[in-house]
């Protein structure tokens, strides 16, 4: 039995959704690209086409493209390449739904009063700081300092803190440390550890329960295909 429901936009391989699922959530992921490794119910569609589904969910989550702010793409931006920046548009669309939401992005992204999470908070040997804008109150937790992460491209050894980006080495080690064993190198380079959204999911449940914001019914009681005109529905 699911306790609440999350509509996961820009879902990718499902790392964020997996964290919410750990807290008892039903997760429906959506992405404009096929995501055959995503372990949740999934719809391939542009995020704007599925905003009408928000009414069926307790929480909206989005991880919009972040290349406009990542260090990895800095040199390309200097050369004039312009990356898609959807954060403001997503925020405005979410606010119009009236639903609680979380928007995730990289350091430097224009999020409003975000909290930051990193692997050290959860005892993970992963350096992947991420910012989260929450429409409900969340107190910034203490983040323990970490040792220097391994250099990109260097073979990893047991106990190393990893920073899985690009064509990194040690995929099996990264899968273990990120607690994501269903994704390969390409997807892991874009994913965040489910522990981040698991922590946020519990914060949301506490807030929603005290503010009567849980619907009491769950999208999962129906079939994903019942709520969309898209025939491209991927089951768990």
C-alpha atoms as a PDB file:
ATOM      1  CA  UNK A   1       0.000   0.000   0.000  1.00  0.00           C
ATOM      2  CA  UNK A   2       1.439   3.372  -0.999  1.00  0.00           C
ATOM      3  CA  UNK A   3       1.381   6.245   1.490  1.00  0.00           C
ATOM      4  CA  UNK A   4       1.580   9.089  -1.030  1.00  0.00           C
ATOM      5  CA  UNK A   5       2.352   9.735  -4.687  1.00  0.00           C
ATOM      6  CA  UNK A   6       5.075  11.577  -6.606  1.00  0.00           C
ATOM      7  CA  UNK A   7       5.057  12.758 -10.211  1.00  0.00           C
ATOM      8  CA  UNK A   8       8.721  12.733 -11.228  1.00  0.00           C
ATOM      9  CA  UNK A   9       9.491  15.039 -14.182  1.00  0.00           C
ATOM     10  CA  UNK A  10      12.770  14.690 -16.124  1.00  0.00           C
ATOM     11  CA  UNK A  11      13.019  11.325 -14.403  1.00  0.00           C
ATOM     12  CA  UNK A  12      15.986   9.865 -16.276  1.00  0.00           C
ATOM     13  CA  UNK A  13      17.027   6.496 -14.897  1.00  0.00           C
ATOM     14  CA  UNK A  14      14.913   6.874 -11.767  1.00  0.00           C
ATOM     15  CA  UNK A  15      17.455   7.701  -9.052  1.00  0.00           C
ATOM     16  CA  UNK A  16      15.298  10.439  -7.526  1.00  0.00           C
ATOM     17  CA  UNK A  17      12.163   8.343  -7.809  1.00  0.00           C
ATOM     18  CA  UNK A  18      13.856   5.447  -6.031  1.00  0.00           C
ATOM     19  CA  UNK A  19      14.471   7.627  -2.989  1.00  0.00           C
ATOM     20  CA  UNK A  20      10.825   8.615  -2.749  1.00  0.00           C
ATOM     21  CA  UNK A  21       9.788   4.996  -3.233  1.00  0.00           C
ATOM     22  CA  UNK A  22      11.843   4.055  -0.172  1.00  0.00           C
ATOM     23  CA  UNK A  23       9.545   6.289   1.906  1.00  0.00           C
ATOM     24  CA  UNK A  24       6.372   4.560   0.745  1.00  0.00           C
ATOM     25  CA  UNK A  25       5.620   6.652  -2.330  1.00  0.00           C
ATOM     26  CA  UNK A  26       4.115   5.566  -5.603  1.00  0.00           C
ATOM     27  CA  UNK A  27       6.246   7.140  -8.341  1.00  0.00           C
ATOM     28  CA  UNK A  28       5.314   7.924 -11.922  1.00  0.00           C
ATOM     29  CA  UNK A  29       8.307   9.053 -13.947  1.00  0.00           C
ATOM     30  CA  UNK A  30       8.231  10.986 -17.186  1.00  0.00           C
ATOM     31  CA  UNK A  31      10.947  12.064 -19.585  1.00  0.00           C
ATOM     32  CA  UNK A  32      11.103  13.208 -23.179  1.00  0.00           C
ATOM     33  CA  UNK A  33      13.538  10.376 -23.935  1.00  0.00           C
ATOM     34  CA  UNK A  34      12.922   6.628 -23.497  1.00  0.00           C
ATOM     35  CA  UNK A  35      14.240   5.407 -20.146  1.00  0.00           C
ATOM     36  CA  UNK A  36      14.104   1.594 -20.303  1.00  0.00           C
ATOM     37  CA  UNK A  37      16.102   1.237 -17.066  1.00  0.00           C
ATOM     38  CA  UNK A  38      13.772   3.419 -15.011  1.00  0.00           C
ATOM     39  CA  UNK A  39      12.257   0.998 -12.452  1.00  0.00           C
ATOM     40  CA  UNK A  40       8.954   2.855 -11.985  1.00  0.00           C
ATOM     41  CA  UNK A  41       5.853   3.375 -14.037  1.00  0.00           C
ATOM     42  CA  UNK A  42       7.005   5.709 -16.780  1.00  0.00           C
ATOM     43  CA  UNK A  43       5.551   7.838 -19.567  1.00  0.00           C
ATOM     44  CA  UNK A  44       7.652   9.162 -22.434  1.00  0.00           C
ATOM     45  CA  UNK A  45       6.452  12.695 -23.105  1.00  0.00           C
ATOM     46  CA  UNK A  46       7.396  16.343 -22.859  1.00  0.00           C
ATOM     47  CA  UNK A  47       6.894  17.503 -19.271  1.00  0.00           C
ATOM     48  CA  UNK A  48       4.446  20.223 -20.321  1.00  0.00           C
ATOM     49  CA  UNK A  49       2.101  17.627 -21.803  1.00  0.00           C
ATOM     50  CA  UNK A  50       1.714  15.904 -18.430  1.00  0.00           C
ATOM     51  CA  UNK A  51       1.138  18.856 -16.122  1.00  0.00           C
ATOM     52  CA  UNK A  52      -2.577  18.045 -16.065  1.00  0.00           C
ATOM     53  CA  UNK A  53      -1.684  14.881 -14.142  1.00  0.00           C
ATOM     54  CA  UNK A  54      -0.543  16.997 -11.166  1.00  0.00           C
ATOM     55  CA  UNK A  55      -4.047  16.913  -9.689  1.00  0.00           C
ATOM     56  CA  UNK A  56      -3.659  13.182  -9.047  1.00  0.00           C
ATOM     57  CA  UNK A  57      -0.401  13.486  -7.082  1.00  0.00           C
ATOM     58  CA  UNK A  58       0.684  14.637  -3.635  1.00  0.00           C
ATOM     59  CA  UNK A  59       4.147  15.882  -4.637  1.00  0.00           C
ATOM     60  CA  UNK A  60       5.774  17.116  -7.845  1.00  0.00           C
ATOM     61  CA  UNK A  61       9.504  16.634  -8.437  1.00  0.00           C
ATOM     62  CA  UNK A  62      11.620  17.970 -11.291  1.00  0.00           C
ATOM     63  CA  UNK A  63      15.283  17.634 -12.260  1.00  0.00           C
ATOM     64  CA  UNK A  64      15.456  19.931 -15.313  1.00  0.00           C
ATOM     65  CA  UNK A  65      18.502  19.872 -17.607  1.00  0.00           C
ATOM     66  CA  UNK A  66      21.429  21.431 -15.736  1.00  0.00           C
ATOM     67  CA  UNK A  67      24.076  21.928 -18.447  1.00  0.00           C
ATOM     68  CA  UNK A  68      23.524  25.687 -18.341  1.00  0.00           C
ATOM     69  CA  UNK A  69      25.174  25.679 -14.889  1.00  0.00           C
ATOM     70  CA  UNK A  70      27.481  22.663 -14.631  1.00  0.00           C
ATOM     71  CA  UNK A  71      31.247  23.041 -14.418  1.00  0.00           C
ATOM     72  CA  UNK A  72      31.611  20.310 -17.031  1.00  0.00           C
ATOM     73  CA  UNK A  73      29.914  22.471 -19.673  1.00  0.00           C
ATOM     74  CA  UNK A  74      31.582  25.745 -18.704  1.00  0.00           C
ATOM     75  CA  UNK A  75      34.065  25.702 -21.587  1.00  0.00           C
ATOM     76  CA  UNK A  76      31.280  25.148 -24.122  1.00  0.00           C
ATOM     77  CA  UNK A  77      29.273  28.018 -22.691  1.00  0.00           C
ATOM     78  CA  UNK A  78      32.327  30.265 -23.037  1.00  0.00           C
ATOM     79  CA  UNK A  79      32.466  29.315 -26.688  1.00  0.00           C
ATOM     80  CA  UNK A  80      28.903  30.517 -27.122  1.00  0.00           C
ATOM     81  CA  UNK A  81      26.926  27.298 -26.836  1.00  0.00           C
ATOM     82  CA  UNK A  82      23.564  27.957 -25.200  1.00  0.00           C
ATOM     83  CA  UNK A  83      21.966  25.225 -23.154  1.00  0.00           C
ATOM     84  CA  UNK A  84      18.293  24.912 -22.333  1.00  0.00           C
ATOM     85  CA  UNK A  85      17.364  26.469 -18.982  1.00  0.00           C
ATOM     86  CA  UNK A  86      13.913  25.441 -17.791  1.00  0.00           C
ATOM     87  CA  UNK A  87      14.066  26.145 -14.053  1.00  0.00           C
ATOM     88  CA  UNK A  88      11.984  29.337 -14.074  1.00  0.00           C
ATOM     89  CA  UNK A  89       9.422  27.829 -16.428  1.00  0.00           C
ATOM     90  CA  UNK A  90       9.109  24.678 -14.345  1.00  0.00           C
ATOM     91  CA  UNK A  91       8.740  26.670 -11.137  1.00  0.00           C
ATOM     92  CA  UNK A  92       5.992  28.842 -12.601  1.00  0.00           C
ATOM     93  CA  UNK A  93       4.127  25.816 -13.955  1.00  0.00           C
ATOM     94  CA  UNK A  94       4.380  23.986 -10.635  1.00  0.00           C
ATOM     95  CA  UNK A  95       3.170  26.986  -8.670  1.00  0.00           C
ATOM     96  CA  UNK A  96       0.108  27.232 -10.894  1.00  0.00           C
ATOM     97  CA  UNK A  97      -0.875  23.655  -9.994  1.00  0.00           C
ATOM     98  CA  UNK A  98      -1.020  24.532  -6.299  1.00  0.00           C
ATOM     99  CA  UNK A  99       0.812  21.320  -5.484  1.00  0.00           C
ATOM    100  CA  UNK A 100       3.867  21.005  -3.232  1.00  0.00           C
ATOM    101  CA  UNK A 101       7.022  20.628  -5.285  1.00  0.00           C
ATOM    102  CA  UNK A 102      10.768  20.052  -5.238  1.00  0.00           C
ATOM    103  CA  UNK A 103      13.133  21.219  -7.980  1.00  0.00           C
ATOM    104  CA  UNK A 104      16.632  19.705  -8.043  1.00  0.00           C
ATOM    105  CA  UNK A 105      19.705  21.111  -9.762  1.00  0.00           C
ATOM    106  CA  UNK A 106      23.441  21.676  -9.518  1.00  0.00           C
ATOM    107  CA  UNK A 107      25.346  24.293  -7.498  1.00  0.00           C
ATOM    108  CA  UNK A 108      25.021  27.675  -9.185  1.00  0.00           C
ATOM    109  CA  UNK A 109      21.554  27.055 -10.588  1.00  0.00           C
ATOM    110  CA  UNK A 110      19.005  29.840  -9.893  1.00  0.00           C
ATOM    111  CA  UNK A 111      16.950  28.033  -7.280  1.00  0.00           C
ATOM    112  CA  UNK A 112      15.102  29.919  -4.543  1.00  0.00           C
ATOM    113  CA  UNK A 113      16.344  29.328  -0.966  1.00  0.00           C
ATOM    114  CA  UNK A 114      17.596  25.829  -1.782  1.00  0.00           C
ATOM    115  CA  UNK A 115      19.021  23.339   0.661  1.00  0.00           C
ATOM    116  CA  UNK A 116      22.140  21.410  -0.304  1.00  0.00           C
ATOM    117  CA  UNK A 117      22.684  17.685   0.116  1.00  0.00           C
ATOM    118  CA  UNK A 118      25.802  15.616  -0.492  1.00  0.00           C
ATOM    119  CA  UNK A 119      26.891  12.017  -0.063  1.00  0.00           C
ATOM    120  CA  UNK A 120      28.698  12.697   3.206  1.00  0.00           C
ATOM    121  CA  UNK A 121      25.347  13.497   4.853  1.00  0.00           C
ATOM    122  CA  UNK A 122      24.340   9.866   4.333  1.00  0.00           C
ATOM    123  CA  UNK A 123      27.662   8.130   4.836  1.00  0.00           C
ATOM    124  CA  UNK A 124      28.105   7.586   1.095  1.00  0.00           C
ATOM    125  CA  UNK A 125      31.535   7.773  -0.533  1.00  0.00           C
ATOM    126  CA  UNK A 126      30.125  10.067  -3.210  1.00  0.00           C
ATOM    127  CA  UNK A 127      30.847  13.732  -3.850  1.00  0.00           C
ATOM    128  CA  UNK A 128      27.745  14.962  -5.636  1.00  0.00           C
ATOM    129  CA  UNK A 129      26.428  18.186  -4.083  1.00  0.00           C
ATOM    130  CA  UNK A 130      22.931  18.990  -5.260  1.00  0.00           C
ATOM    131  CA  UNK A 131      20.573  21.855  -4.528  1.00  0.00           C
ATOM    132  CA  UNK A 132      16.850  21.400  -3.835  1.00  0.00           C
ATOM    133  CA  UNK A 133      14.229  24.129  -3.940  1.00  0.00           C
ATOM    134  CA  UNK A 134      11.266  23.040  -1.817  1.00  0.00           C
ATOM    135  CA  UNK A 135       7.889  24.764  -1.747  1.00  0.00           C
ATOM    136  CA  UNK A 136       7.400  23.604   1.852  1.00  0.00           C
ATOM    137  CA  UNK A 137       9.669  24.272   4.856  1.00  0.00           C
ATOM    138  CA  UNK A 138      12.823  22.150   5.019  1.00  0.00           C
ATOM    139  CA  UNK A 139      15.670  22.947   7.413  1.00  0.00           C
ATOM    140  CA  UNK A 140      19.177  22.731   5.987  1.00  0.00           C
ATOM    141  CA  UNK A 141      20.858  19.699   7.589  1.00  0.00           C
ATOM    142  CA  UNK A 142      24.475  19.573   8.672  1.00  0.00           C
ATOM    143  CA  UNK A 143      26.698  18.263   5.891  1.00  0.00           C
ATOM    144  CA  UNK A 144      29.959  16.709   7.145  1.00  0.00           C
ATOM    145  CA  UNK A 145      33.090  17.758   5.279  1.00  0.00           C
ATOM    146  CA  UNK A 146      34.519  15.204   2.891  1.00  0.00           C
ATOM    147  CA  UNK A 147      38.015  14.329   1.847  1.00  0.00           C
ATOM    148  CA  UNK A 148      39.107  15.318  -1.630  1.00  0.00           C
ATOM    149  CA  UNK A 149      37.203  13.280  -4.216  1.00  0.00           C
ATOM    150  CA  UNK A 150      39.153  11.201  -6.688  1.00  0.00           C
ATOM    151  CA  UNK A 151      40.245  12.801  -9.907  1.00  0.00           C
ATOM    152  CA  UNK A 152      38.135  12.111 -12.953  1.00  0.00           C
ATOM    153  CA  UNK A 153      39.521   9.204 -14.959  1.00  0.00           C
ATOM    154  CA  UNK A 154      41.655   7.818 -12.134  1.00  0.00           C
ATOM    155  CA  UNK A 155      41.087   4.168 -11.206  1.00  0.00           C
ATOM    156  CA  UNK A 156      39.269   3.922  -7.882  1.00  0.00           C
ATOM    157  CA  UNK A 157      40.281   1.990  -4.803  1.00  0.00           C
ATOM    158  CA  UNK A 158      38.147   0.812  -1.902  1.00  0.00           C
ATOM    159  CA  UNK A 159      37.451   3.760   0.374  1.00  0.00           C
ATOM    160  CA  UNK A 160      37.824   6.431  -2.309  1.00  0.00           C
ATOM    161  CA  UNK A 161      35.253   9.192  -2.494  1.00  0.00           C
ATOM    162  CA  UNK A 162      34.032   9.218  -6.068  1.00  0.00           C
ATOM    163  CA  UNK A 163      32.735  11.939  -8.342  1.00  0.00           C
ATOM    164  CA  UNK A 164      31.103  10.004 -11.197  1.00  0.00           C
ATOM    165  CA  UNK A 165      31.016  12.320 -14.206  1.00  0.00           C
ATOM    166  CA  UNK A 166      31.683  11.756 -17.873  1.00  0.00           C
ATOM    167  CA  UNK A 167      33.467   8.531 -18.765  1.00  0.00           C
ATOM    168  CA  UNK A 168      34.497   7.767 -15.196  1.00  0.00           C
ATOM    169  CA  UNK A 169      36.180   4.545 -14.117  1.00  0.00           C
ATOM    170  CA  UNK A 170      34.925   2.108 -11.486  1.00  0.00           C
ATOM    171  CA  UNK A 171      31.302   1.710 -12.549  1.00  0.00           C
ATOM    172  CA  UNK A 172      30.664  -1.198 -10.169  1.00  0.00           C
ATOM    173  CA  UNK A 173      32.135   0.801  -7.289  1.00  0.00           C
ATOM    174  CA  UNK A 174      29.971   3.798  -8.226  1.00  0.00           C
ATOM    175  CA  UNK A 175      26.853   1.636  -8.334  1.00  0.00           C
ATOM    176  CA  UNK A 176      27.588   0.426  -4.815  1.00  0.00           C
ATOM    177  CA  UNK A 177      28.414   3.829  -3.349  1.00  0.00           C
ATOM    178  CA  UNK A 178      25.458   5.574  -4.999  1.00  0.00           C
ATOM    179  CA  UNK A 179      23.138   2.674  -4.101  1.00  0.00           C
ATOM    180  CA  UNK A 180      22.043   2.448  -7.729  1.00  0.00           C
ATOM    181  CA  UNK A 181      22.709  -1.000  -9.132  1.00  0.00           C
ATOM    182  CA  UNK A 182      20.349  -0.835 -12.109  1.00  0.00           C
ATOM    183  CA  UNK A 183      22.101   1.918 -14.096  1.00  0.00           C
ATOM    184  CA  UNK A 184      25.261   1.916 -16.209  1.00  0.00           C
ATOM    185  CA  UNK A 185      28.023   4.473 -16.606  1.00  0.00           C
ATOM    186  CA  UNK A 186      26.111   6.900 -18.821  1.00  0.00           C
ATOM    187  CA  UNK A 187      23.072   7.065 -16.527  1.00  0.00           C
ATOM    188  CA  UNK A 188      25.110   7.136 -13.301  1.00  0.00           C
ATOM    189  CA  UNK A 189      26.954  10.220 -14.533  1.00  0.00           C
ATOM    190  CA  UNK A 190      23.604  12.045 -14.504  1.00  0.00           C
ATOM    191  CA  UNK A 191      21.970  10.434 -11.465  1.00  0.00           C
ATOM    192  CA  UNK A 192      21.909  11.365  -7.794  1.00  0.00           C
ATOM    193  CA  UNK A 193      21.898   8.876  -4.909  1.00  0.00           C
ATOM    194  CA  UNK A 194      18.351   7.910  -3.869  1.00  0.00           C
ATOM    195  CA  UNK A 195      19.346   8.717  -0.285  1.00  0.00           C
ATOM    196  CA  UNK A 196      18.903  12.415  -1.100  1.00  0.00           C
ATOM    197  CA  UNK A 197      15.250  12.188  -2.072  1.00  0.00           C
ATOM    198  CA  UNK A 198      14.589   9.557   0.576  1.00  0.00           C
ATOM    199  CA  UNK A 199      15.558  12.155   3.175  1.00  0.00           C
ATOM    200  CA  UNK A 200      13.424  14.779   1.453  1.00  0.00           C
ATOM    201  CA  UNK A 201      10.533  12.351   1.129  1.00  0.00           C
ATOM    202  CA  UNK A 202      10.406  11.899   4.885  1.00  0.00           C
ATOM    203  CA  UNK A 203      10.504  15.685   5.376  1.00  0.00           C
ATOM    204  CA  UNK A 204       7.597  16.023   2.939  1.00  0.00           C
ATOM    205  CA  UNK A 205       5.554  13.332   4.679  1.00  0.00           C
ATOM    206  CA  UNK A 206       6.008  15.055   8.036  1.00  0.00           C
ATOM    207  CA  UNK A 207       4.956  18.415   6.635  1.00  0.00           C
ATOM    208  CA  UNK A 208       2.078  17.035   4.557  1.00  0.00           C
ATOM    209  CA  UNK A 209       0.643  15.023   7.446  1.00  0.00           C
ATOM    210  CA  UNK A 210       0.671  18.035   9.761  1.00  0.00           C
ATOM    211  CA  UNK A 211      -0.930  20.249   7.113  1.00  0.00           C
ATOM    212  CA  UNK A 212      -3.509  17.784   5.767  1.00  0.00           C
ATOM    213  CA  UNK A 213      -1.913  17.779   2.326  1.00  0.00           C
ATOM    214  CA  UNK A 214      -2.094  14.051   1.629  1.00  0.00           C
ATOM    215  CA  UNK A 215      -4.957  13.159  -0.683  1.00  0.00           C
ATOM    216  CA  UNK A 216      -5.709   9.812   0.915  1.00  0.00           C
ATOM    217  CA  UNK A 217      -5.998   8.170  -2.480  1.00  0.00           C
ATOM    218  CA  UNK A 218      -3.198   7.107  -4.731  1.00  0.00           C
ATOM    219  CA  UNK A 219      -2.646   7.392  -8.437  1.00  0.00           C
ATOM    220  CA  UNK A 220      -1.371   3.822  -8.365  1.00  0.00           C
ATOM    221  CA  UNK A 221      -4.855   2.556  -7.594  1.00  0.00           C
ATOM    222  CA  UNK A 222      -5.559   3.179 -11.260  1.00  0.00           C
ATOM    223  CA  UNK A 223      -3.487   2.295 -14.275  1.00  0.00           C
ATOM    224  CA  UNK A 224      -1.026   4.808 -15.682  1.00  0.00           C
ATOM    225  CA  UNK A 225      -2.663   4.516 -19.088  1.00  0.00           C
ATOM    226  CA  UNK A 226      -5.995   5.647 -17.618  1.00  0.00           C
ATOM    227  CA  UNK A 227      -4.600   9.115 -16.937  1.00  0.00           C
ATOM    228  CA  UNK A 228      -2.868   9.854 -20.209  1.00  0.00           C
ATOM    229  CA  UNK A 229      -3.537   9.797 -23.906  1.00  0.00           C
ATOM    230  CA  UNK A 230       0.001   8.582 -24.481  1.00  0.00           C
ATOM    231  CA  UNK A 231       0.305   4.952 -25.456  1.00  0.00           C
ATOM    232  CA  UNK A 232       3.948   4.942 -24.403  1.00  0.00           C
ATOM    233  CA  UNK A 233       3.490   3.729 -20.834  1.00  0.00           C
ATOM    234  CA  UNK A 234       6.230   1.657 -19.233  1.00  0.00           C
ATOM    235  CA  UNK A 235       5.225  -0.594 -16.338  1.00  0.00           C
ATOM    236  CA  UNK A 236       7.327  -1.550 -13.373  1.00  0.00           C
END
